[in-house]
Amino acid sequence: MDYVDSILIRLADSTTRDGLFSSNALATIASTAYDTGRLTLEAPYSAIFDEVLPGYASPRRGSIEGMWGPLGGVERVLAQLQVADISGAPTVAVEALWRGAIIAHTTQANSHIDKVATTWPPSGNPVEHEVTVGVTYAPPSTPPSGTTSLPLVAAIFIRDAGFSLAQLLIQSRLAREQLAALGLEKNNPALPLRQSIVTIWLVPGAVFDDNAWPGADTTQSAAVQRQQRLLAANRWLNPQGISVVTTN
């Protein structure tokens, strides 16, 4: 069985799909969909799979606008229709569609001021004084914790090593645009959204053994270099709505 099919089976099986997404991978996906810098989130992250549709495809959809009215009359009726591509050719074709959420832990700092010390040195000038103030904070107690649910819709592409980066970028953009037109988003208006629909690339870790991917310190071990290249790739792909996740 080839790489794509083996990963697709793990993704389709509810007992194995969790193993595809580490806490770090989920944190990357979360930061692609949301401005997590404005939220107080921390590991561990976990995934909720409300719906996973393997082999997802949808026909192209578009809109037709027009007006009609009686001949010779001035009254017109505006019409707008949503139609599917009459050719029936699917333009959204991804290995899987994931609708669900990422769960992140949240904490709040609860240190408090324990002591304030003010020093007034002897002053020879009745007008000018120098004051020294020292503030001591008490050690924080165990902070209250909770969880935050980040609703997610993701188009998942599975690619073995040797895929065309340019082609996958185009496919990812088309998938997000077409899925958005279908109204599949699961947004929470209270959260700082970046992308209503994200794209996830599941690829083998060996993809980032290729020196063509920048970002690695070549004095480090092969495993460290691979991770550095992955982090560098996600830095420029995340703003485009794409998260790269490596698998074994």
C-alpha atoms as a PDB file:
ATOM      1  CA  MET A   1       0.000   0.000   0.000  1.00  0.00           C
ATOM      2  CA  ASP A   2       1.383   3.424  -0.905  1.00  0.00           C
ATOM      3  CA  TYR A   3       1.856   6.339   1.481  1.00  0.00           C
ATOM      4  CA  VAL A   4      -1.284   8.273   0.489  1.00  0.00           C
ATOM      5  CA  ASP A   5      -3.613   5.316   0.951  1.00  0.00           C
ATOM      6  CA  SER A   6      -2.035   4.230   4.240  1.00  0.00           C
ATOM      7  CA  ILE A   7      -2.415   7.705   5.733  1.00  0.00           C
ATOM      8  CA  LEU A   8      -5.966   8.015   4.386  1.00  0.00           C
ATOM      9  CA  ILE A   9      -6.929   4.777   6.135  1.00  0.00           C
ATOM     10  CA  ARG A  10      -5.505   6.064   9.429  1.00  0.00           C
ATOM     11  CA  LEU A  11      -7.401   9.320   8.954  1.00  0.00           C
ATOM     12  CA  ALA A  12     -10.680   7.555   8.153  1.00  0.00           C
ATOM     13  CA  ASP A  13     -10.455   5.224  11.162  1.00  0.00           C
ATOM     14  CA  SER A  14     -11.656   6.936  14.355  1.00  0.00           C
ATOM     15  CA  THR A  15      -9.296   4.805  16.453  1.00  0.00           C
ATOM     16  CA  THR A  16      -6.136   5.906  14.627  1.00  0.00           C
ATOM     17  CA  ARG A  17      -6.702   9.443  13.346  1.00  0.00           C
ATOM     18  CA  ASP A  18      -5.661  11.099  16.623  1.00  0.00           C
ATOM     19  CA  GLY A  19      -2.181   9.665  16.160  1.00  0.00           C
ATOM     20  CA  LEU A  20      -1.669  11.745  13.008  1.00  0.00           C
ATOM     21  CA  PHE A  21      -1.834  15.062  14.860  1.00  0.00           C
ATOM     22  CA  SER A  22       0.586  15.791  17.688  1.00  0.00           C
ATOM     23  CA  SER A  23      -0.061  18.607  20.147  1.00  0.00           C
ATOM     24  CA  ASN A  24       2.524  20.729  18.314  1.00  0.00           C
ATOM     25  CA  ALA A  25       0.872  20.062  14.967  1.00  0.00           C
ATOM     26  CA  LEU A  26      -2.523  21.053  16.362  1.00  0.00           C
ATOM     27  CA  ALA A  27      -1.018  24.244  17.782  1.00  0.00           C
ATOM     28  CA  THR A  28       0.258  25.115  14.303  1.00  0.00           C
ATOM     29  CA  ILE A  29      -3.147  24.440  12.754  1.00  0.00           C
ATOM     30  CA  ALA A  30      -4.829  26.534  15.444  1.00  0.00           C
ATOM     31  CA  SER A  31      -2.505  29.476  14.760  1.00  0.00           C
ATOM     32  CA  THR A  32      -3.278  29.195  11.051  1.00  0.00           C
ATOM     33  CA  ALA A  33      -7.012  29.483  11.662  1.00  0.00           C
ATOM     34  CA  TYR A  34      -6.873  31.968  14.575  1.00  0.00           C
ATOM     35  CA  ASP A  35      -4.700  34.793  15.881  1.00  0.00           C
ATOM     36  CA  THR A  36      -3.641  32.726  18.879  1.00  0.00           C
ATOM     37  CA  GLY A  37      -1.261  35.458  20.010  1.00  0.00           C
ATOM     38  CA  ARG A  38      -4.327  37.297  21.281  1.00  0.00           C
ATOM     39  CA  LEU A  39      -5.479  34.283  23.279  1.00  0.00           C
ATOM     40  CA  THR A  40      -4.014  32.695  26.420  1.00  0.00           C
ATOM     41  CA  LEU A  41      -3.501  29.179  25.116  1.00  0.00           C
ATOM     42  CA  GLU A  42      -1.069  26.450  26.045  1.00  0.00           C
ATOM     43  CA  ALA A  43      -0.419  22.770  25.422  1.00  0.00           C
ATOM     44  CA  PRO A  44      -1.623  20.140  25.369  1.00  0.00           C
ATOM     45  CA  TYR A  45      -3.859  20.575  22.343  1.00  0.00           C
ATOM     46  CA  SER A  46      -6.355  17.937  21.285  1.00  0.00           C
ATOM     47  CA  ALA A  47      -8.595  17.393  18.274  1.00  0.00           C
ATOM     48  CA  ILE A  48     -12.354  16.961  18.017  1.00  0.00           C
ATOM     49  CA  PHE A  49     -13.486  15.172  14.865  1.00  0.00           C
ATOM     50  CA  ASP A  50     -17.200  15.884  14.511  1.00  0.00           C
ATOM     51  CA  GLU A  51     -17.063  14.826  10.888  1.00  0.00           C
ATOM     52  CA  VAL A  52     -14.316  13.389   8.696  1.00  0.00           C
ATOM     53  CA  LEU A  53     -15.287  12.792   5.072  1.00  0.00           C
ATOM     54  CA  PRO A  54     -12.636  10.807   3.179  1.00  0.00           C
ATOM     55  CA  GLY A  55     -12.421  11.381  -0.558  1.00  0.00           C
ATOM     56  CA  TYR A  56     -14.414  14.606  -0.456  1.00  0.00           C
ATOM     57  CA  ALA A  57     -15.446  16.135  -3.768  1.00  0.00           C
ATOM     58  CA  SER A  58     -17.930  18.836  -4.668  1.00  0.00           C
ATOM     59  CA  PRO A  59     -18.999  20.269  -8.038  1.00  0.00           C
ATOM     60  CA  ARG A  60     -18.101  23.803  -8.968  1.00  0.00           C
ATOM     61  CA  ARG A  61     -20.701  26.301  -7.824  1.00  0.00           C
ATOM     62  CA  GLY A  62     -21.406  29.738  -9.165  1.00  0.00           C
ATOM     63  CA  SER A  63     -24.068  32.403  -9.252  1.00  0.00           C
ATOM     64  CA  ILE A  64     -26.264  33.826 -11.972  1.00  0.00           C
ATOM     65  CA  GLU A  65     -27.782  37.269 -11.600  1.00  0.00           C
ATOM     66  CA  GLY A  66     -30.488  38.790 -13.753  1.00  0.00           C
ATOM     67  CA  MET A  67     -33.816  40.574 -13.914  1.00  0.00           C
ATOM     68  CA  TRP A  68     -37.140  39.943 -15.545  1.00  0.00           C
ATOM     69  CA  GLY A  69     -40.367  41.837 -16.002  1.00  0.00           C
ATOM     70  CA  PRO A  70     -43.416  42.178 -18.287  1.00  0.00           C
ATOM     71  CA  LEU A  71     -42.802  43.385 -21.830  1.00  0.00           C
ATOM     72  CA  GLY A  72     -43.391  47.103 -22.096  1.00  0.00           C
ATOM     73  CA  GLY A  73     -43.462  47.502 -18.341  1.00  0.00           C
ATOM     74  CA  VAL A  74     -41.020  49.280 -16.071  1.00  0.00           C
ATOM     75  CA  GLU A  75     -41.193  46.948 -13.097  1.00  0.00           C
ATOM     76  CA  ARG A  76     -38.254  44.557 -12.813  1.00  0.00           C
ATOM     77  CA  VAL A  77     -37.571  41.634 -10.469  1.00  0.00           C
ATOM     78  CA  LEU A  78     -33.974  40.922  -9.446  1.00  0.00           C
ATOM     79  CA  ALA A  79     -32.966  37.264  -9.286  1.00  0.00           C
ATOM     80  CA  GLN A  80     -29.822  35.572  -8.033  1.00  0.00           C
ATOM     81  CA  LEU A  81     -29.351  31.827  -8.433  1.00  0.00           C
ATOM     82  CA  GLN A  82     -26.698  29.476  -7.084  1.00  0.00           C
ATOM     83  CA  VAL A  83     -25.943  26.744  -9.609  1.00  0.00           C
ATOM     84  CA  ALA A  84     -23.625  23.773  -9.819  1.00  0.00           C
ATOM     85  CA  ASP A  85     -21.357  23.204 -12.774  1.00  0.00           C
ATOM     86  CA  ILE A  86     -23.514  21.531 -15.419  1.00  0.00           C
ATOM     87  CA  SER A  87     -20.515  19.480 -16.542  1.00  0.00           C
ATOM     88  CA  GLY A  88     -20.552  17.675 -13.189  1.00  0.00           C
ATOM     89  CA  ALA A  89     -16.759  17.815 -12.971  1.00  0.00           C
ATOM     90  CA  PRO A  90     -15.629  18.196  -9.334  1.00  0.00           C
ATOM     91  CA  THR A  91     -13.320  21.118  -8.712  1.00  0.00           C
ATOM     92  CA  VAL A  92     -13.004  20.524  -4.968  1.00  0.00           C
ATOM     93  CA  ALA A  93     -11.289  17.166  -4.621  1.00  0.00           C
ATOM     94  CA  VAL A  94      -9.382  16.541  -1.399  1.00  0.00           C
ATOM     95  CA  GLU A  95      -8.325  13.408   0.424  1.00  0.00           C
ATOM     96  CA  ALA A  96     -10.558  14.346   3.362  1.00  0.00           C
ATOM     97  CA  LEU A  97     -12.671  17.117   4.848  1.00  0.00           C
ATOM     98  CA  TRP A  98     -12.447  17.633   8.612  1.00  0.00           C
ATOM     99  CA  ARG A  99     -15.146  19.534  10.485  1.00  0.00           C
ATOM    100  CA  GLY A 100     -14.677  19.798  14.211  1.00  0.00           C
ATOM    101  CA  ALA A 101     -12.496  21.763  16.614  1.00  0.00           C
ATOM    102  CA  ILE A 102      -9.136  22.044  18.319  1.00  0.00           C
ATOM    103  CA  ILE A 103      -9.225  22.133  22.112  1.00  0.00           C
ATOM    104  CA  ALA A 104      -6.536  24.189  23.838  1.00  0.00           C
ATOM    105  CA  HIS A 105      -5.862  24.670  27.519  1.00  0.00           C
ATOM    106  CA  THR A 106      -6.104  28.164  28.961  1.00  0.00           C
ATOM    107  CA  THR A 107      -4.597  29.674  32.093  1.00  0.00           C
ATOM    108  CA  GLN A 108      -4.688  33.029  33.788  1.00  0.00           C
ATOM    109  CA  ALA A 109      -1.804  34.521  35.727  1.00  0.00           C
ATOM    110  CA  ASN A 110      -2.749  35.242  39.347  1.00  0.00           C
ATOM    111  CA  SER A 111       0.347  36.760  40.946  1.00  0.00           C
ATOM    112  CA  HIS A 112      -0.362  39.658  43.301  1.00  0.00           C
ATOM    113  CA  ILE A 113       1.687  42.441  44.857  1.00  0.00           C
ATOM    114  CA  ASP A 114       3.020  41.257  48.191  1.00  0.00           C
ATOM    115  CA  LYS A 115       4.938  44.324  49.388  1.00  0.00           C
ATOM    116  CA  VAL A 116       5.695  47.902  48.340  1.00  0.00           C
ATOM    117  CA  ALA A 117       8.731  49.603  49.921  1.00  0.00           C
ATOM    118  CA  THR A 118       9.327  53.335  49.543  1.00  0.00           C
ATOM    119  CA  THR A 119      12.662  54.960  50.427  1.00  0.00           C
ATOM    120  CA  TRP A 120      12.924  58.706  51.045  1.00  0.00           C
ATOM    121  CA  PRO A 121      16.591  59.724  51.206  1.00  0.00           C
ATOM    122  CA  PRO A 122      17.623  62.745  53.235  1.00  0.00           C
ATOM    123  CA  SER A 123      17.103  65.811  51.106  1.00  0.00           C
ATOM    124  CA  GLY A 124      19.197  68.934  51.176  1.00  0.00           C
ATOM    125  CA  ASN A 125      16.885  70.544  48.663  1.00  0.00           C
ATOM    126  CA  PRO A 126      13.426  71.386  49.954  1.00  0.00           C
ATOM    127  CA  VAL A 127      11.994  71.278  46.426  1.00  0.00           C
ATOM    128  CA  GLU A 128      13.560  68.263  44.739  1.00  0.00           C
ATOM    129  CA  HIS A 129      13.288  64.773  46.206  1.00  0.00           C
ATOM    130  CA  GLU A 130      14.377  61.408  44.825  1.00  0.00           C
ATOM    131  CA  VAL A 131      12.110  58.539  45.756  1.00  0.00           C
ATOM    132  CA  THR A 132      12.914  54.833  45.391  1.00  0.00           C
ATOM    133  CA  VAL A 133       9.973  52.434  45.208  1.00  0.00           C
ATOM    134  CA  GLY A 134      10.429  48.654  45.348  1.00  0.00           C
ATOM    135  CA  VAL A 135       7.592  46.284  44.456  1.00  0.00           C
ATOM    136  CA  THR A 136       7.682  42.621  45.445  1.00  0.00           C
ATOM    137  CA  TYR A 137       5.321  40.094  43.844  1.00  0.00           C
ATOM    138  CA  ALA A 138       4.217  37.021  45.678  1.00  0.00           C
ATOM    139  CA  PRO A 139       4.883  33.702  43.932  1.00  0.00           C
ATOM    140  CA  PRO A 140       1.856  32.757  41.826  1.00  0.00           C
ATOM    141  CA  SER A 141      -0.310  30.006  43.136  1.00  0.00           C
ATOM    142  CA  THR A 142      -1.561  27.276  40.819  1.00  0.00           C
ATOM    143  CA  PRO A 143      -3.500  29.247  38.200  1.00  0.00           C
ATOM    144  CA  PRO A 144      -7.071  28.374  37.351  1.00  0.00           C
ATOM    145  CA  SER A 145      -7.231  26.440  34.118  1.00  0.00           C
ATOM    146  CA  GLY A 146      -9.862  25.645  31.558  1.00  0.00           C
ATOM    147  CA  THR A 147     -10.185  24.897  27.881  1.00  0.00           C
ATOM    148  CA  THR A 148     -11.046  26.839  24.757  1.00  0.00           C
ATOM    149  CA  SER A 149     -12.700  25.270  21.732  1.00  0.00           C
ATOM    150  CA  LEU A 150     -11.504  26.571  18.373  1.00  0.00           C
ATOM    151  CA  PRO A 151     -14.013  25.530  15.674  1.00  0.00           C
ATOM    152  CA  LEU A 152     -12.294  24.215  12.570  1.00  0.00           C
ATOM    153  CA  VAL A 153     -13.008  23.290   8.972  1.00  0.00           C
ATOM    154  CA  ALA A 154     -10.004  21.850   7.148  1.00  0.00           C
ATOM    155  CA  ALA A 155      -9.404  20.478   3.678  1.00  0.00           C
ATOM    156  CA  ILE A 156      -6.770  17.755   3.986  1.00  0.00           C
ATOM    157  CA  PHE A 157      -4.326  16.898   1.231  1.00  0.00           C
ATOM    158  CA  ILE A 158      -2.101  13.823   1.575  1.00  0.00           C
ATOM    159  CA  ARG A 159       1.047  13.845  -0.534  1.00  0.00           C
ATOM    160  CA  ASP A 160       4.051  11.564  -0.715  1.00  0.00           C
ATOM    161  CA  ALA A 161       7.568  12.919  -1.195  1.00  0.00           C
ATOM    162  CA  GLY A 162       8.151  14.391  -4.638  1.00  0.00           C
ATOM    163  CA  PHE A 163       4.884  16.332  -4.907  1.00  0.00           C
ATOM    164  CA  SER A 164       4.744  19.574  -6.871  1.00  0.00           C
ATOM    165  CA  LEU A 165       4.750  22.482  -4.447  1.00  0.00           C
ATOM    166  CA  ALA A 166       3.407  24.921  -7.045  1.00  0.00           C
ATOM    167  CA  GLN A 167       0.528  22.642  -7.998  1.00  0.00           C
ATOM    168  CA  LEU A 168      -0.421  21.920  -4.386  1.00  0.00           C
ATOM    169  CA  LEU A 169      -0.464  25.627  -3.561  1.00  0.00           C
ATOM    170  CA  ILE A 170      -2.932  26.227  -6.409  1.00  0.00           C
ATOM    171  CA  GLN A 171      -5.097  23.262  -5.400  1.00  0.00           C
ATOM    172  CA  SER A 172      -5.161  24.463  -1.794  1.00  0.00           C
ATOM    173  CA  ARG A 173      -6.308  27.944  -2.740  1.00  0.00           C
ATOM    174  CA  LEU A 174      -9.040  26.602  -5.031  1.00  0.00           C
ATOM    175  CA  ALA A 175     -10.226  24.199  -2.329  1.00  0.00           C
ATOM    176  CA  ARG A 176     -10.551  26.953   0.287  1.00  0.00           C
ATOM    177  CA  GLU A 177     -12.408  29.255  -2.118  1.00  0.00           C
ATOM    178  CA  GLN A 178     -14.860  26.573  -3.230  1.00  0.00           C
ATOM    179  CA  LEU A 179     -15.483  25.258   0.289  1.00  0.00           C
ATOM    180  CA  ALA A 180     -16.125  28.796   1.510  1.00  0.00           C
ATOM    181  CA  ALA A 181     -18.770  29.156  -1.218  1.00  0.00           C
ATOM    182  CA  LEU A 182     -20.527  26.090   0.205  1.00  0.00           C
ATOM    183  CA  GLY A 183     -20.948  27.762   3.601  1.00  0.00           C
ATOM    184  CA  LEU A 184     -19.206  25.023   5.595  1.00  0.00           C
ATOM    185  CA  GLU A 185     -17.533  27.344   8.111  1.00  0.00           C
ATOM    186  CA  LYS A 186     -17.855  26.760  11.859  1.00  0.00           C
ATOM    187  CA  ASN A 187     -16.845  30.157  13.199  1.00  0.00           C
ATOM    188  CA  ASN A 188     -17.120  31.636  16.670  1.00  0.00           C
ATOM    189  CA  PRO A 189     -17.399  35.451  16.347  1.00  0.00           C
ATOM    190  CA  ALA A 190     -15.870  35.859  19.811  1.00  0.00           C
ATOM    191  CA  LEU A 191     -12.530  34.436  18.606  1.00  0.00           C
ATOM    192  CA  PRO A 192      -9.931  36.324  16.491  1.00  0.00           C
ATOM    193  CA  LEU A 193     -10.338  34.490  13.190  1.00  0.00           C
ATOM    194  CA  ARG A 194      -7.644  34.426  10.510  1.00  0.00           C
ATOM    195  CA  GLN A 195      -8.953  31.796   8.098  1.00  0.00           C
ATOM    196  CA  SER A 196     -12.489  30.400   8.086  1.00  0.00           C
ATOM    197  CA  ILE A 197     -11.247  27.305   6.233  1.00  0.00           C
ATOM    198  CA  VAL A 198      -7.700  25.993   6.415  1.00  0.00           C
ATOM    199  CA  THR A 199      -5.740  23.508   4.355  1.00  0.00           C
ATOM    200  CA  ILE A 200      -3.668  20.776   5.980  1.00  0.00           C
ATOM    201  CA  TRP A 201      -0.894  19.002   4.123  1.00  0.00           C
ATOM    202  CA  LEU A 202      -0.039  15.570   5.502  1.00  0.00           C
ATOM    203  CA  VAL A 203       3.388  14.633   4.190  1.00  0.00           C
ATOM    204  CA  PRO A 204       6.217  12.287   5.237  1.00  0.00           C
ATOM    205  CA  GLY A 205       8.840  13.805   7.493  1.00  0.00           C
ATOM    206  CA  ALA A 206      11.479  12.854   4.918  1.00  0.00           C
ATOM    207  CA  VAL A 207      10.155  15.641   2.673  1.00  0.00           C
ATOM    208  CA  PHE A 208      12.159  18.062   4.821  1.00  0.00           C
ATOM    209  CA  ASP A 209      15.427  16.185   4.387  1.00  0.00           C
ATOM    210  CA  ASP A 210      15.623  18.056   1.093  1.00  0.00           C
ATOM    211  CA  ASN A 211      18.108  20.930   1.338  1.00  0.00           C
ATOM    212  CA  ALA A 212      15.963  22.956  -1.059  1.00  0.00           C
ATOM    213  CA  TRP A 213      13.719  23.731   1.924  1.00  0.00           C
ATOM    214  CA  PRO A 214      15.433  26.621   3.745  1.00  0.00           C
ATOM    215  CA  GLY A 215      15.731  27.270   7.457  1.00  0.00           C
ATOM    216  CA  ALA A 216      18.069  24.521   8.688  1.00  0.00           C
ATOM    217  CA  ASP A 217      21.344  24.838  10.544  1.00  0.00           C
ATOM    218  CA  THR A 218      23.475  22.274   8.724  1.00  0.00           C
ATOM    219  CA  THR A 219      25.714  21.809  11.767  1.00  0.00           C
ATOM    220  CA  GLN A 220      22.807  20.185  13.595  1.00  0.00           C
ATOM    221  CA  SER A 221      21.656  16.577  13.376  1.00  0.00           C
ATOM    222  CA  ALA A 222      19.475  15.409  10.494  1.00  0.00           C
ATOM    223  CA  ALA A 223      16.432  15.193  12.801  1.00  0.00           C
ATOM    224  CA  VAL A 224      16.914  18.758  14.047  1.00  0.00           C
ATOM    225  CA  GLN A 225      17.419  20.064  10.513  1.00  0.00           C
ATOM    226  CA  ARG A 226      14.205  18.379   9.402  1.00  0.00           C
ATOM    227  CA  GLN A 227      12.257  20.068  12.198  1.00  0.00           C
ATOM    228  CA  GLN A 228      13.821  23.448  11.453  1.00  0.00           C
ATOM    229  CA  ARG A 229      12.831  23.209   7.783  1.00  0.00           C
ATOM    230  CA  LEU A 230       9.271  22.271   8.758  1.00  0.00           C
ATOM    231  CA  LEU A 231       9.015  25.275  11.089  1.00  0.00           C
ATOM    232  CA  ALA A 232      10.400  27.580   8.392  1.00  0.00           C
ATOM    233  CA  ALA A 233       7.916  26.239   5.829  1.00  0.00           C
ATOM    234  CA  ASN A 234       4.969  26.779   8.152  1.00  0.00           C
ATOM    235  CA  ARG A 235       6.057  30.354   8.822  1.00  0.00           C
ATOM    236  CA  TRP A 236       5.326  31.362   5.223  1.00  0.00           C
ATOM    237  CA  LEU A 237       2.549  28.861   4.506  1.00  0.00           C
ATOM    238  CA  ASN A 238       0.421  29.562   7.609  1.00  0.00           C
ATOM    239  CA  PRO A 239      -0.513  33.120   6.510  1.00  0.00           C
ATOM    240  CA  GLN A 240      -1.840  31.546   3.301  1.00  0.00           C
ATOM    241  CA  GLY A 241      -4.145  29.295   5.277  1.00  0.00           C
ATOM    242  CA  ILE A 242      -1.928  26.194   5.015  1.00  0.00           C
ATOM    243  CA  SER A 243      -0.511  24.019   7.787  1.00  0.00           C
ATOM    244  CA  VAL A 244       2.051  21.329   7.058  1.00  0.00           C
ATOM    245  CA  VAL A 245       1.972  18.240   9.293  1.00  0.00           C
ATOM    246  CA  THR A 246       4.572  15.515   8.978  1.00  0.00           C
ATOM    247  CA  THR A 247       3.803  11.859   9.633  1.00  0.00           C
ATOM    248  CA  ASN A 248       5.819   8.713  10.168  1.00  0.00           C
END
